[in-house]
Protein backbone atom coordinates (compact mmCIF):
# COMPACT_ATOMS: atom_id res chain seq x y z
CA MET A 1 77.75 106.98 50.33
CA PRO A 2 80.68 107.15 52.78
CA LEU A 3 81.96 104.07 54.58
CA LYS A 4 81.04 103.74 58.24
CA THR A 5 83.97 103.99 60.67
CA THR A 6 84.56 102.33 64.02
CA CYS A 7 87.30 101.66 66.56
CA LEU A 8 88.15 98.23 67.91
CA GLY A 9 88.76 98.64 71.63
CA ALA A 10 91.65 100.31 73.40
CA PHE A 11 92.22 104.07 73.23
CA PRO A 12 95.27 105.74 74.85
CA LYS A 13 94.85 106.33 78.57
CA PRO A 14 95.46 109.70 80.23
CA ASP A 15 98.16 109.89 82.88
CA TYR A 16 95.73 110.64 85.68
CA VAL A 17 93.97 107.26 85.76
CA PRO A 18 95.07 105.25 88.82
CA ILE A 19 96.03 102.13 86.86
CA GLN A 20 97.74 102.18 83.49
CA ASP A 21 97.58 99.25 81.08
CA TRP A 22 100.05 96.91 79.43
CA PHE A 23 100.63 99.35 76.56
CA GLN A 24 102.44 101.74 78.92
CA VAL A 25 103.85 99.57 81.70
CA HIS A 26 104.97 96.01 82.26
CA TYR A 27 101.86 94.17 83.35
CA ASP A 28 102.15 92.56 86.77
CA ALA A 29 99.00 90.66 87.71
CA GLU A 30 100.00 90.29 91.35
CA ASP A 31 100.75 94.00 91.74
CA TYR A 32 97.46 94.93 90.10
CA ASN A 33 95.59 92.49 92.33
CA GLU A 34 97.00 94.20 95.41
CA LYS A 35 95.92 97.59 94.11
CA VAL A 36 92.28 96.75 93.49
CA THR A 37 91.44 94.59 96.49
CA GLN A 38 90.96 95.26 100.21
CA GLN A 39 94.00 97.53 100.36
CA TRP A 40 91.98 100.31 98.69
CA SER A 41 89.65 102.26 100.95
CA ARG A 42 86.08 102.94 99.85
CA GLU A 43 87.02 106.59 99.35
CA LYS A 44 89.92 105.62 97.10
CA LEU A 45 87.76 103.19 95.12
CA ASN A 46 85.14 105.88 94.55
CA LYS A 47 87.79 108.36 93.43
CA ALA A 48 89.25 105.79 91.05
CA ARG A 49 85.80 105.13 89.59
CA ASP A 50 85.31 108.86 89.00
CA LEU A 51 88.67 109.13 87.26
CA PHE A 52 87.93 106.15 85.02
CA ASP A 53 84.53 107.66 84.18
CA ARG A 54 86.24 110.91 83.20
CA ALA A 55 88.81 109.04 81.07
CA THR A 56 86.02 107.10 79.35
CA GLN A 57 84.10 110.28 78.57
CA GLU A 58 87.23 111.87 77.12
CA ALA A 59 88.11 108.79 75.04
CA VAL A 60 84.62 108.75 73.54
CA ALA A 61 84.73 112.48 72.84
CA ASP A 62 88.12 112.12 71.11
CA GLN A 63 86.83 109.38 68.82
CA LEU A 64 83.76 111.40 67.89
CA ALA A 65 85.89 114.48 67.26
CA CYS A 66 87.87 112.41 64.75
CA GLY A 67 84.71 111.45 62.87
CA ILE A 68 84.30 107.88 64.16
CA ASP A 69 80.72 106.69 63.71
CA ILE A 70 80.76 103.80 66.21
CA PRO A 71 83.16 104.51 69.09
CA THR A 72 84.15 102.18 71.92
CA ASP A 73 84.57 102.99 75.62
CA GLY A 74 88.33 102.98 74.99
CA GLU A 75 88.79 100.16 77.55
CA GLN A 76 89.93 102.82 80.02
CA ARG A 77 89.25 100.65 83.09
CA ARG A 78 91.20 97.64 81.88
CA GLU A 79 94.72 96.93 83.03
CA ASN A 80 94.72 93.97 80.65
CA TYR A 81 91.97 93.44 78.14
CA VAL A 82 91.59 89.75 79.03
CA HIS A 83 92.07 89.66 82.79
CA TYR A 84 89.60 92.49 83.44
CA GLN A 85 86.87 90.11 82.31
CA CYS A 86 88.21 87.13 84.24
CA ARG A 87 87.87 88.96 87.55
CA HIS A 88 84.10 88.71 87.14
CA PHE A 89 84.11 84.91 86.73
CA THR A 90 84.51 82.16 89.29
CA GLY A 91 87.34 79.66 88.91
CA PHE A 92 90.21 82.14 88.45
CA ASP A 93 92.98 82.51 91.01
CA PHE A 94 94.65 85.93 90.95
CA GLU A 95 96.66 85.28 94.12
CA ASN A 96 98.74 82.24 93.17
CA LEU A 97 100.00 82.91 89.65
CA THR A 98 101.56 80.46 87.21
CA GLU A 99 104.68 81.31 85.22
CA THR A 100 103.93 80.49 81.61
CA VAL A 101 105.97 80.63 78.41
CA MET A 102 104.05 82.53 75.72
CA ARG A 103 104.12 83.00 71.96
CA ASN A 104 106.35 80.05 71.07
CA GLY A 105 108.97 80.93 73.65
CA ALA A 106 109.08 84.66 72.93
CA TYR A 107 108.67 85.53 76.62
CA SER A 108 107.42 84.20 79.96
CA VAL A 109 104.86 85.83 82.25
CA GLU A 110 103.01 85.04 85.46
CA LEU A 111 99.35 84.49 84.70
CA PRO A 112 96.11 84.13 86.64
CA THR A 113 95.33 80.44 87.04
CA ILE A 114 92.12 78.50 86.48
CA ARG A 115 91.72 76.17 89.48
CA ALA A 116 87.99 75.35 89.35
CA ARG A 117 85.12 75.35 86.89
CA VAL A 118 84.60 78.75 85.26
CA THR A 119 81.15 80.26 85.68
CA GLY A 120 79.67 83.71 85.32
CA GLN A 121 79.45 85.73 88.48
CA ASP A 122 79.05 89.50 88.00
CA ASN A 123 77.40 90.77 84.82
CA SER A 124 76.80 94.32 86.04
CA THR A 125 80.27 95.82 85.64
CA LEU A 126 80.33 95.94 81.84
CA VAL A 127 76.80 97.32 81.80
CA ARG A 128 77.88 100.30 83.88
CA ASP A 129 81.01 100.72 81.74
CA TRP A 130 78.78 100.90 78.66
CA GLN A 131 76.25 103.24 80.27
CA VAL A 132 78.96 105.78 81.11
CA ALA A 133 80.36 105.64 77.58
CA GLU A 134 77.03 105.82 75.76
CA ALA A 135 75.81 108.69 77.92
CA ALA A 136 78.96 110.58 76.93
CA ALA A 137 78.55 109.75 73.24
CA GLY A 138 74.86 110.38 72.81
CA ARG A 139 74.89 107.60 70.24
CA PRO A 140 75.49 103.80 70.23
CA VAL A 141 78.83 102.75 71.67
CA LYS A 142 80.39 99.35 71.01
CA MET A 143 81.51 97.22 73.95
CA THR A 144 84.29 94.66 73.61
CA LEU A 145 85.02 91.38 75.38
CA PRO A 146 87.81 88.83 74.94
CA GLY A 147 86.65 85.54 73.43
CA PRO A 148 86.90 82.04 74.91
CA MET A 149 90.00 80.90 73.00
CA THR A 150 91.78 84.17 73.73
CA ILE A 151 91.03 84.02 77.45
CA ALA A 152 92.27 80.42 77.57
CA ASP A 153 95.47 81.41 75.79
CA THR A 154 96.15 84.30 78.19
CA THR A 155 95.62 82.42 81.45
CA ALA A 156 97.00 79.21 82.96
CA ASP A 157 94.77 76.13 83.11
CA ALA A 158 95.25 73.92 86.18
CA HIS A 159 91.76 72.40 86.15
CA TYR A 160 90.32 71.40 82.76
CA ASN A 161 93.15 69.92 80.69
CA ASP A 162 90.63 70.02 77.84
CA ASP A 163 90.77 73.07 75.59
CA ALA A 164 87.32 72.63 74.09
CA ALA A 165 85.61 72.07 77.45
CA LEU A 166 87.31 75.15 78.90
CA ALA A 167 86.28 77.24 75.90
CA ARG A 168 82.65 76.14 76.24
CA ASP A 169 82.47 77.15 79.90
CA LEU A 170 84.18 80.45 79.14
CA ALA A 171 81.67 81.07 76.34
CA ASP A 172 78.76 80.43 78.71
CA ALA A 173 80.24 82.84 81.26
CA LEU A 174 80.78 85.46 78.55
CA ASN A 175 77.24 84.93 77.30
CA GLY A 176 75.96 86.19 80.63
CA GLN A 177 77.88 89.44 80.15
CA VAL A 178 76.80 89.76 76.51
CA ARG A 179 73.14 89.22 77.33
CA ALA A 180 73.31 91.67 80.23
CA LEU A 181 74.68 94.31 77.86
CA ALA A 182 72.00 93.52 75.27
CA ASP A 183 69.23 93.65 77.88
CA ALA A 184 70.52 97.04 79.05
CA GLY A 185 70.31 98.41 75.50
CA CYS A 186 73.83 98.01 74.08
CA ARG A 187 73.51 97.54 70.32
CA PHE A 188 77.11 96.81 69.27
CA ILE A 189 78.90 93.96 71.08
CA GLN A 190 82.30 92.71 69.95
CA VAL A 191 84.07 89.51 70.97
CA ASP A 192 87.84 89.61 70.38
CA GLU A 193 89.37 86.36 69.15
CA PRO A 194 92.91 87.10 67.92
CA ILE A 195 93.76 83.48 68.69
CA PHE A 196 91.62 82.48 65.70
CA ALA A 197 94.40 83.88 63.51
CA ARG A 198 97.16 82.25 65.57
CA LYS A 199 95.49 78.87 65.96
CA PRO A 200 93.14 78.41 62.98
CA GLN A 201 92.82 74.66 63.52
CA GLY A 202 91.53 75.26 67.03
CA ALA A 203 89.17 77.90 65.69
CA LEU A 204 87.77 75.42 63.19
CA ALA A 205 87.62 72.55 65.69
CA TYR A 206 85.73 74.34 68.47
CA GLY A 207 86.45 78.09 68.51
CA ILE A 208 83.78 79.15 66.03
CA GLU A 209 81.19 77.08 67.88
CA THR A 210 82.10 78.75 71.18
CA LEU A 211 81.98 82.17 69.48
CA GLU A 212 78.38 81.43 68.52
CA ARG A 213 77.76 80.34 72.11
CA CYS A 214 78.87 83.78 73.36
CA PHE A 215 75.97 85.36 71.46
CA HIS A 216 73.30 82.77 72.27
CA GLY A 217 69.95 84.41 72.96
CA VAL A 218 71.04 87.88 71.84
CA PRO A 219 68.20 89.73 70.04
CA ASP A 220 68.40 90.56 66.35
CA GLU A 221 68.69 94.31 66.96
CA VAL A 222 72.15 93.77 68.45
CA THR A 223 75.04 93.88 65.96
CA ARG A 224 77.31 90.94 66.80
CA VAL A 225 80.98 91.49 65.96
CA VAL A 226 84.10 89.33 66.08
CA HIS A 227 87.57 90.89 65.90
CA MET A 228 90.52 88.78 64.72
CA CYS A 229 93.80 90.70 64.90
CA CYS A 230 97.22 89.24 64.22
CA GLY A 231 99.14 90.25 67.36
CA TYR A 232 100.77 93.17 69.14
CA PRO A 233 104.46 94.15 69.28
CA ASN A 234 106.28 94.81 72.54
CA ASN A 235 106.63 98.48 71.67
CA LEU A 236 105.77 101.02 69.02
CA ASP A 237 107.73 100.82 65.74
CA ASP A 238 108.93 97.28 66.42
CA GLU A 239 108.88 96.17 62.79
CA ASP A 240 109.77 92.53 63.33
CA TYR A 241 107.25 91.47 65.97
CA PRO A 242 105.78 87.98 65.52
CA LYS A 243 102.44 88.00 63.72
CA ALA A 244 99.90 85.31 63.01
CA ASP A 245 100.37 83.49 59.71
CA GLN A 246 98.76 85.59 57.00
CA ALA A 247 97.20 82.44 55.52
CA SER A 248 95.10 81.96 58.67
CA TYR A 249 92.39 84.33 57.48
CA MET A 250 92.02 82.30 54.30
CA GLN A 251 91.71 79.09 56.32
CA ILE A 252 88.85 80.28 58.51
CA ALA A 253 87.04 82.85 56.33
CA ALA A 254 84.31 80.57 55.00
CA ALA A 255 83.67 79.00 58.40
CA VAL A 256 83.37 82.28 60.31
CA ASP A 257 81.38 84.12 57.61
CA GLY A 258 77.80 84.57 58.80
CA VAL A 259 78.48 83.57 62.40
CA THR A 260 78.46 87.25 63.39
CA ASP A 261 77.05 90.30 61.65
CA GLN A 262 80.47 91.92 61.31
CA ILE A 263 83.97 90.43 61.11
CA SER A 264 87.04 92.55 61.82
CA ILE A 265 90.40 91.79 60.18
CA GLU A 266 93.76 93.54 59.93
CA ASP A 267 94.93 94.80 56.56
CA ALA A 268 97.06 97.90 57.13
CA HIS A 269 100.25 96.35 58.49
CA ARG A 270 100.26 93.87 55.58
CA HIS A 271 97.69 93.80 52.82
CA ASN A 272 95.58 90.68 52.44
CA PRO A 273 95.32 88.83 49.11
CA GLU A 274 92.48 90.04 46.95
CA ASP A 275 90.53 86.79 46.94
CA LEU A 276 90.17 86.89 50.75
CA PHE A 277 87.57 89.63 50.44
CA THR A 278 85.45 87.55 48.07
CA ARG A 279 85.18 84.77 50.66
CA PHE A 280 82.96 86.85 52.93
CA ASN A 281 79.49 86.72 51.40
CA THR A 282 77.22 87.26 54.42
CA SER A 283 78.97 89.17 57.20
CA ALA A 284 80.00 92.78 56.81
CA LEU A 285 83.77 93.22 56.96
CA ILE A 286 85.54 95.71 59.23
CA VAL A 287 88.92 96.27 57.60
CA GLY A 288 91.94 97.84 59.27
CA PHE A 289 93.18 100.76 57.16
CA ILE A 290 95.60 102.32 59.67
CA THR A 291 98.37 100.59 61.59
CA ILE A 292 98.48 100.48 65.39
CA ALA A 293 102.13 99.46 65.79
CA SER A 294 103.75 102.15 63.65
CA SER A 295 104.12 105.87 64.28
CA ARG A 296 103.96 106.54 60.55
CA VAL A 297 100.80 108.47 59.69
CA GLU A 298 99.07 107.08 56.61
CA PRO A 299 98.03 109.92 54.26
CA VAL A 300 94.35 110.23 53.39
CA GLU A 301 95.09 109.50 49.73
CA GLU A 302 96.86 106.26 50.61
CA ILE A 303 94.00 105.07 52.81
CA ARG A 304 91.43 106.02 50.19
CA ALA A 305 93.33 104.16 47.49
CA ARG A 306 93.30 100.96 49.54
CA MET A 307 89.59 101.38 50.17
CA HIS A 308 88.95 101.77 46.43
CA HIS A 309 90.97 98.64 45.75
CA ILE A 310 89.07 96.49 48.26
CA LEU A 311 85.74 97.81 46.92
CA GLN A 312 86.53 96.05 43.66
CA PHE A 313 85.98 92.77 45.50
CA MET A 314 83.09 93.50 47.87
CA PRO A 315 80.14 95.93 48.03
CA ALA A 316 80.37 99.19 49.95
CA GLU A 317 77.35 98.32 52.11
CA ARG A 318 79.33 95.44 53.64
CA LEU A 319 82.58 97.33 54.26
CA LEU A 320 83.47 99.35 57.38
CA ALA A 321 86.74 101.17 58.07
CA ALA A 322 88.77 100.91 61.28
CA PRO A 323 92.28 100.72 62.67
CA ASP A 324 93.94 97.30 62.62
CA CYS A 325 93.38 96.89 66.37
CA GLY A 326 93.47 98.89 69.62
CA LEU A 327 95.26 102.25 69.66
CA GLY A 328 96.96 102.10 73.06
CA PHE A 329 100.55 102.18 71.78
CA LEU A 330 100.09 105.35 69.76
CA GLY A 331 99.41 107.98 72.40
CA ARG A 332 96.49 110.38 72.14
CA ASP A 333 97.80 112.88 69.58
CA LEU A 334 99.09 110.27 67.12
CA ALA A 335 95.97 108.13 67.51
CA MET A 336 93.72 111.08 66.77
CA THR A 337 95.76 112.13 63.75
CA LYS A 338 95.46 108.65 62.28
CA LEU A 339 91.73 108.45 63.05
CA ARG A 340 91.07 111.82 61.41
CA ASN A 341 92.76 110.63 58.21
CA LEU A 342 90.81 107.36 58.34
CA SER A 343 87.51 109.21 58.70
CA GLU A 344 88.30 111.70 55.94
CA ALA A 345 89.16 108.88 53.55
CA ALA A 346 86.03 106.93 54.49
CA ARG A 347 83.78 109.97 53.96
CA SER A 348 85.06 110.55 50.45
CA VAL A 349 85.72 107.07 49.08
CA VAL A 350 82.38 106.24 47.43
């Protein structure tokens, strides 16, 4: 009985796509806004769509070639995994940005600004993204969306001044996208909430409730997933990048267990304590067995050994194998090498 494997979102982009993402280039929201608005002709927009479709098809094919059971669309169309979603909501201003200090003073960046109530507007874009990916895969493909707390933390609020109220409206807007995907036939839908690990008190106070709100009305045949990573570095092989407190998972495990069908956590870049795994009694656990911020390739034997160790504390039917997070920093060849080793270990572990 091998473990199922999945990816968690981003896959390296090819050079030919018209807009790269924040893994490769410094993200400039204003510059991106200029590129995707009226300044592009209809012919150029159609060509860009075709190139993104091709990149999506290739990203899916690469994941399948590596033995991944549940691939993603690779987030090929997204310049930034949060702001791509926000462009389909009302209330966001992408013209007049707000300079904001992020990550406890680590850096400052100009962010899209919330200037009115957030509501859902266009639920069709993600459906088409999924349709292109699933047609290429010939099997279920997982679609990913940023969660309410994560969107709030990656934009500037000039309207609500109430974190919980903002998160509720964001959840309702996201729910429209989630339900549109479910109605179209998507069977794996993942909401990314890395801010749960960075701000566990906020997650407990209102974040878990708004996560549930994202999936309101979704039929039982849809597998609901939440992904809680611990943060990205500024570049590959940056060993000292700031991560969420490792104790955060322990703080929120019992509260988030059972809210979604699957819960995704990091484990490769630093192993979790053994008793964390025993705290998940309902949800299946997607565990990261390969790092996404290091160019070191984990040998199959090393990955398999960690899988065997975790299986001492939870049953195989509730364990899935994945990378820690998105693979955008690694480049295609390195990402595929790591995924092949992950899949080989997962096929032979039980």
